[in-house]
Structure formats: C-alpha cells, structure tokens
N, C-alpha and C. Protein backbone atom coordinates (compact mmCIF):
# COMPACT_ATOMS: atom_id res chain seq x y z
N MET A 1 -113.96 -139.82 148.04
CA MET A 1 -111.98 -139.65 148.03
C MET A 1 -112.47 -139.24 150.15
N ARG A 2 -111.55 -140.20 150.17
CA ARG A 2 -111.30 -140.41 151.49
C ARG A 2 -109.80 -139.36 152.43
N TYR A 3 -110.72 -139.57 153.69
CA TYR A 3 -110.03 -137.20 154.13
C TYR A 3 -108.62 -137.62 154.74
N VAL A 4 -107.93 -136.97 153.88
CA VAL A 4 -106.88 -136.92 154.42
C VAL A 4 -106.72 -136.07 155.98
N THR A 5 -105.45 -136.17 157.13
CA THR A 5 -105.63 -135.77 158.01
C THR A 5 -104.42 -134.52 158.25
N SER A 6 -104.25 -133.79 158.77
CA SER A 6 -103.30 -133.65 158.73
C SER A 6 -102.22 -133.51 158.91
N ILE A 7 -102.31 -134.13 160.08
CA ILE A 7 -100.67 -135.28 160.84
C ILE A 7 -100.14 -136.00 159.01
N GLU A 8 -101.36 -136.84 158.25
CA GLU A 8 -100.40 -137.66 156.70
C GLU A 8 -100.54 -136.65 156.53
N ARG A 9 -100.95 -134.41 155.71
CA ARG A 9 -100.19 -134.23 155.01
C ARG A 9 -99.55 -133.64 155.51
N LEU A 10 -98.35 -133.79 156.83
CA LEU A 10 -97.12 -133.70 157.13
C LEU A 10 -95.77 -134.41 156.45
N ALA A 11 -96.56 -135.68 157.21
CA ALA A 11 -96.14 -137.05 156.85
C ALA A 11 -95.57 -137.13 155.31
N ARG A 12 -96.87 -136.64 154.32
CA ARG A 12 -95.97 -136.78 153.91
C ARG A 12 -94.97 -136.51 152.90
N GLU A 13 -95.30 -134.21 153.43
CA GLU A 13 -94.89 -133.96 152.88
C GLU A 13 -92.95 -133.83 153.16
N GLU A 14 -93.01 -133.63 154.55
CA GLU A 14 -91.90 -134.27 154.91
C GLU A 14 -91.28 -135.35 154.25
N GLY A 15 -92.13 -136.48 154.55
CA GLY A 15 -91.31 -137.35 153.21
C GLY A 15 -90.51 -136.66 151.77
N MET A 16 -91.83 -136.50 151.06
CA MET A 16 -91.16 -135.98 149.77
C MET A 16 -89.86 -135.11 149.96
N ILE A 17 -90.37 -134.11 151.32
CA ILE A 17 -89.10 -133.45 151.43
C ILE A 17 -87.58 -134.86 151.67
N GLU A 18 -87.65 -134.93 151.98
CA GLU A 18 -86.75 -135.89 152.78
C GLU A 18 -86.31 -136.78 151.24
N LYS A 19 -86.40 -137.13 150.26
CA LYS A 19 -86.49 -137.36 149.19
C LYS A 19 -85.46 -136.88 148.48
N GLY A 20 -86.62 -135.89 148.53
CA GLY A 20 -85.74 -134.78 147.73
C GLY A 20 -84.03 -134.89 147.43
N ARG A 21 -84.21 -134.13 149.04
CA ARG A 21 -82.74 -134.04 149.40
C ARG A 21 -81.38 -135.47 149.18
N GLU A 22 -81.58 -136.81 149.62
CA GLU A 22 -82.17 -137.96 149.27
C GLU A 22 -81.38 -137.65 147.12
N ASP A 23 -82.19 -137.57 146.49
CA ASP A 23 -82.27 -137.78 145.46
C ASP A 23 -80.81 -136.06 144.43
N ILE A 24 -80.90 -135.52 145.58
CA ILE A 24 -79.90 -134.86 145.09
C ILE A 24 -78.22 -134.91 145.06
N ILE A 25 -77.83 -135.06 146.54
CA ILE A 25 -76.87 -136.08 147.17
C ILE A 25 -77.00 -136.72 145.84
N ASP A 26 -77.79 -137.44 145.90
CA ASP A 26 -77.25 -139.11 144.95
C ASP A 26 -76.96 -138.58 143.51
N VAL A 27 -78.12 -137.54 143.12
CA VAL A 27 -76.86 -138.01 141.04
C VAL A 27 -75.41 -136.54 141.76
N LEU A 28 -75.26 -135.61 142.77
CA LEU A 28 -74.50 -135.36 142.75
C LEU A 28 -72.75 -135.59 143.00
N GLN A 29 -73.58 -136.78 143.87
CA GLN A 29 -71.99 -138.45 143.96
C GLN A 29 -72.08 -138.50 142.99
N ILE A 30 -72.88 -139.71 141.67
CA ILE A 30 -72.60 -139.91 141.25
C ILE A 30 -72.48 -139.46 139.77
N ARG A 31 -72.90 -137.61 139.56
CA ARG A 31 -71.63 -136.70 139.01
C ARG A 31 -70.29 -136.42 139.63
N PHE A 32 -70.19 -136.28 141.00
CA PHE A 32 -69.02 -136.04 140.74
C PHE A 32 -67.98 -136.32 141.82
N GLU A 33 -68.38 -137.34 142.11
CA GLU A 33 -68.32 -138.43 143.46
C GLU A 33 -68.27 -138.04 144.46
N ASP A 34 -67.28 -137.16 145.20
CA ASP A 34 -66.98 -136.90 146.33
C ASP A 34 -67.33 -135.53 146.91
N LEU A 35 -68.46 -135.40 147.72
CA LEU A 35 -68.85 -134.24 148.18
C LEU A 35 -68.66 -133.58 149.44
N PRO A 36 -68.42 -132.25 149.09
CA PRO A 36 -68.40 -131.42 150.77
C PRO A 36 -69.31 -131.65 151.56
N GLY A 37 -68.55 -131.78 153.23
CA GLY A 37 -69.64 -132.23 153.52
C GLY A 37 -70.33 -131.43 153.70
N GLU A 38 -69.69 -129.62 154.10
CA GLU A 38 -70.49 -128.60 154.53
C GLU A 38 -71.79 -128.25 153.20
N LEU A 39 -71.15 -129.11 151.59
CA LEU A 39 -72.73 -128.90 150.54
C LEU A 39 -73.52 -129.99 151.26
N VAL A 40 -73.91 -130.96 151.56
CA VAL A 40 -73.94 -132.07 151.69
C VAL A 40 -75.77 -131.80 152.55
N GLN A 41 -74.61 -131.28 154.19
CA GLN A 41 -75.06 -129.66 155.25
C GLN A 41 -76.22 -128.61 154.41
N GLU A 42 -76.42 -128.41 153.89
CA GLU A 42 -76.88 -127.18 153.00
C GLU A 42 -77.91 -127.38 151.96
N ILE A 43 -77.74 -128.75 152.07
CA ILE A 43 -79.11 -129.52 150.56
C ILE A 43 -80.40 -129.86 151.83
N ASN A 44 -79.55 -130.49 152.90
CA ASN A 44 -80.47 -131.44 154.83
C ASN A 44 -80.97 -130.27 154.70
N GLN A 45 -80.89 -128.92 155.31
CA GLN A 45 -81.09 -128.01 155.31
C GLN A 45 -82.35 -127.33 154.55
N ILE A 46 -82.31 -127.67 153.55
CA ILE A 46 -84.06 -127.02 152.48
C ILE A 46 -85.37 -127.42 153.39
N GLU A 47 -85.49 -126.73 153.16
CA GLU A 47 -87.57 -127.39 153.52
C GLU A 47 -88.68 -127.11 152.67
N ASP A 48 -87.84 -126.28 151.37
CA ASP A 48 -89.18 -126.14 150.68
C ASP A 48 -89.17 -127.32 148.87
N VAL A 49 -89.92 -127.54 149.50
CA VAL A 49 -89.90 -128.87 148.13
C VAL A 49 -89.84 -128.43 146.42
N GLU A 50 -90.47 -127.40 146.06
CA GLU A 50 -90.12 -126.71 144.71
C GLU A 50 -88.28 -126.02 144.82
N GLN A 51 -88.16 -125.48 146.19
CA GLN A 51 -86.67 -125.28 146.32
C GLN A 51 -85.73 -126.96 145.40
N LEU A 52 -86.41 -127.80 145.85
CA LEU A 52 -85.75 -128.95 145.90
C LEU A 52 -85.66 -129.96 144.81
N LYS A 53 -86.73 -128.73 143.58
CA LYS A 53 -87.70 -129.59 143.18
C LYS A 53 -86.15 -128.94 141.95
N THR A 54 -86.16 -128.18 141.69
CA THR A 54 -85.53 -126.55 140.88
C THR A 54 -83.34 -127.38 141.51
N LEU A 55 -83.23 -127.32 142.17
CA LEU A 55 -81.46 -128.36 142.97
C LEU A 55 -81.08 -129.31 142.42
N HIS A 56 -82.70 -130.06 141.98
CA HIS A 56 -82.48 -131.81 141.72
C HIS A 56 -82.60 -131.11 140.18
N ARG A 57 -83.02 -130.41 139.25
CA ARG A 57 -82.95 -129.85 137.76
C ARG A 57 -81.09 -129.37 137.46
N GLN A 58 -81.02 -128.41 138.06
CA GLN A 58 -79.43 -128.11 138.02
C GLN A 58 -78.55 -128.99 138.89
N ALA A 59 -79.01 -130.35 139.25
CA ALA A 59 -78.28 -130.89 139.35
C ALA A 59 -77.62 -132.27 138.45
N VAL A 60 -79.13 -132.26 138.04
CA VAL A 60 -78.07 -132.93 136.73
C VAL A 60 -77.76 -132.54 136.04
N THR A 61 -77.99 -131.25 135.01
CA THR A 61 -77.18 -130.34 134.19
C THR A 61 -76.41 -129.19 134.55
N ILE A 62 -76.37 -128.96 135.44
CA ILE A 62 -74.60 -127.92 136.46
C ILE A 62 -73.60 -128.39 135.71
N GLY A 63 -72.10 -128.13 135.79
CA GLY A 63 -71.12 -128.44 134.53
C GLY A 63 -70.43 -128.49 136.46
N SER A 64 -70.14 -128.09 137.71
CA SER A 64 -69.56 -128.20 138.67
C SER A 64 -70.31 -127.70 140.16
N LEU A 65 -69.79 -128.21 140.23
CA LEU A 65 -70.00 -128.26 141.78
C LEU A 65 -69.90 -126.50 142.35
N ALA A 66 -69.47 -125.99 142.11
CA ALA A 66 -69.18 -124.83 142.26
C ALA A 66 -70.35 -123.83 142.87
N GLU A 67 -70.23 -123.75 140.50
CA GLU A 67 -71.14 -123.74 140.60
C GLU A 67 -73.15 -124.36 141.15
N PHE A 68 -72.67 -125.27 141.43
CA PHE A 68 -74.39 -125.73 142.39
C PHE A 68 -74.26 -125.30 143.20
N GLN A 69 -73.46 -125.03 143.70
CA GLN A 69 -72.79 -123.98 145.41
C GLN A 69 -73.34 -122.66 144.97
N ASP A 70 -73.68 -122.02 143.85
CA ASP A 70 -73.42 -120.74 143.65
C ASP A 70 -75.39 -120.47 143.51
N ALA A 71 -75.85 -121.72 142.86
CA ALA A 71 -77.72 -122.00 142.53
C ALA A 71 -78.01 -122.34 144.37
N ILE A 72 -77.33 -123.01 144.90
CA ILE A 72 -77.67 -122.25 146.35
C ILE A 72 -77.71 -121.18 146.95
N ASP A 73 -77.09 -120.14 146.98
CA ASP A 73 -76.92 -119.22 147.51
C ASP A 73 -78.09 -118.18 146.42
N ARG A 74 -78.01 -118.39 145.59
CA ARG A 74 -79.65 -118.16 144.86
C ARG A 74 -80.55 -118.11 145.94
N LEU A 75 -80.46 -119.43 146.00
CA LEU A 75 -81.98 -119.89 146.99
C LEU A 75 -82.46 -118.71 147.68
N LYS A 76 -81.20 -119.09 148.34
CA LYS A 76 -81.40 -118.85 150.16
C LYS A 76 -81.45 -117.21 149.93
N SER A 77 -80.71 -116.11 149.19
CA SER A 77 -81.32 -114.64 149.15
C SER A 77 -81.94 -114.59 148.19
C-alpha cells in the first residue's frame, strides 16, 4: 500500500469538501432554481465533510429553501 502524505490527505479532504458544496448547490438549483446569494455563501463556508453529506441528503428531500436554511441553522448551533 502506498504511503499517503499529510499534504495529499489534506488535498483529498479539501477536494471532498469542495465537491460536497458543489453537489448541494447543484441539487438546490435544480429543485428551486434561483438561490439567494447568502445561502450559497453559507454553504461555501462549511468545512465539515459529514455536515456537507447531511445537507446533501436534505437538499434532495427538503420541501423548501426556508426548510433548508433551518437545517443549516441547526447544524451551526
């Protein structure tokens, strides 16, 4: 098995974070079309991969952007 340096590990995690953000925004745009810039900024500030996974699942099933905003607010608290 190849040794993975800490720099490679960080780069991989950063890529997962960026992909998670893009996926959430993409799903929300498909479902609700126009997204408020503030919501996009909040999504882009999330650094936790697990939180992004949770939000991605919610973006697929949530009923409205207001509900999604509530989900983000709950994660922050």
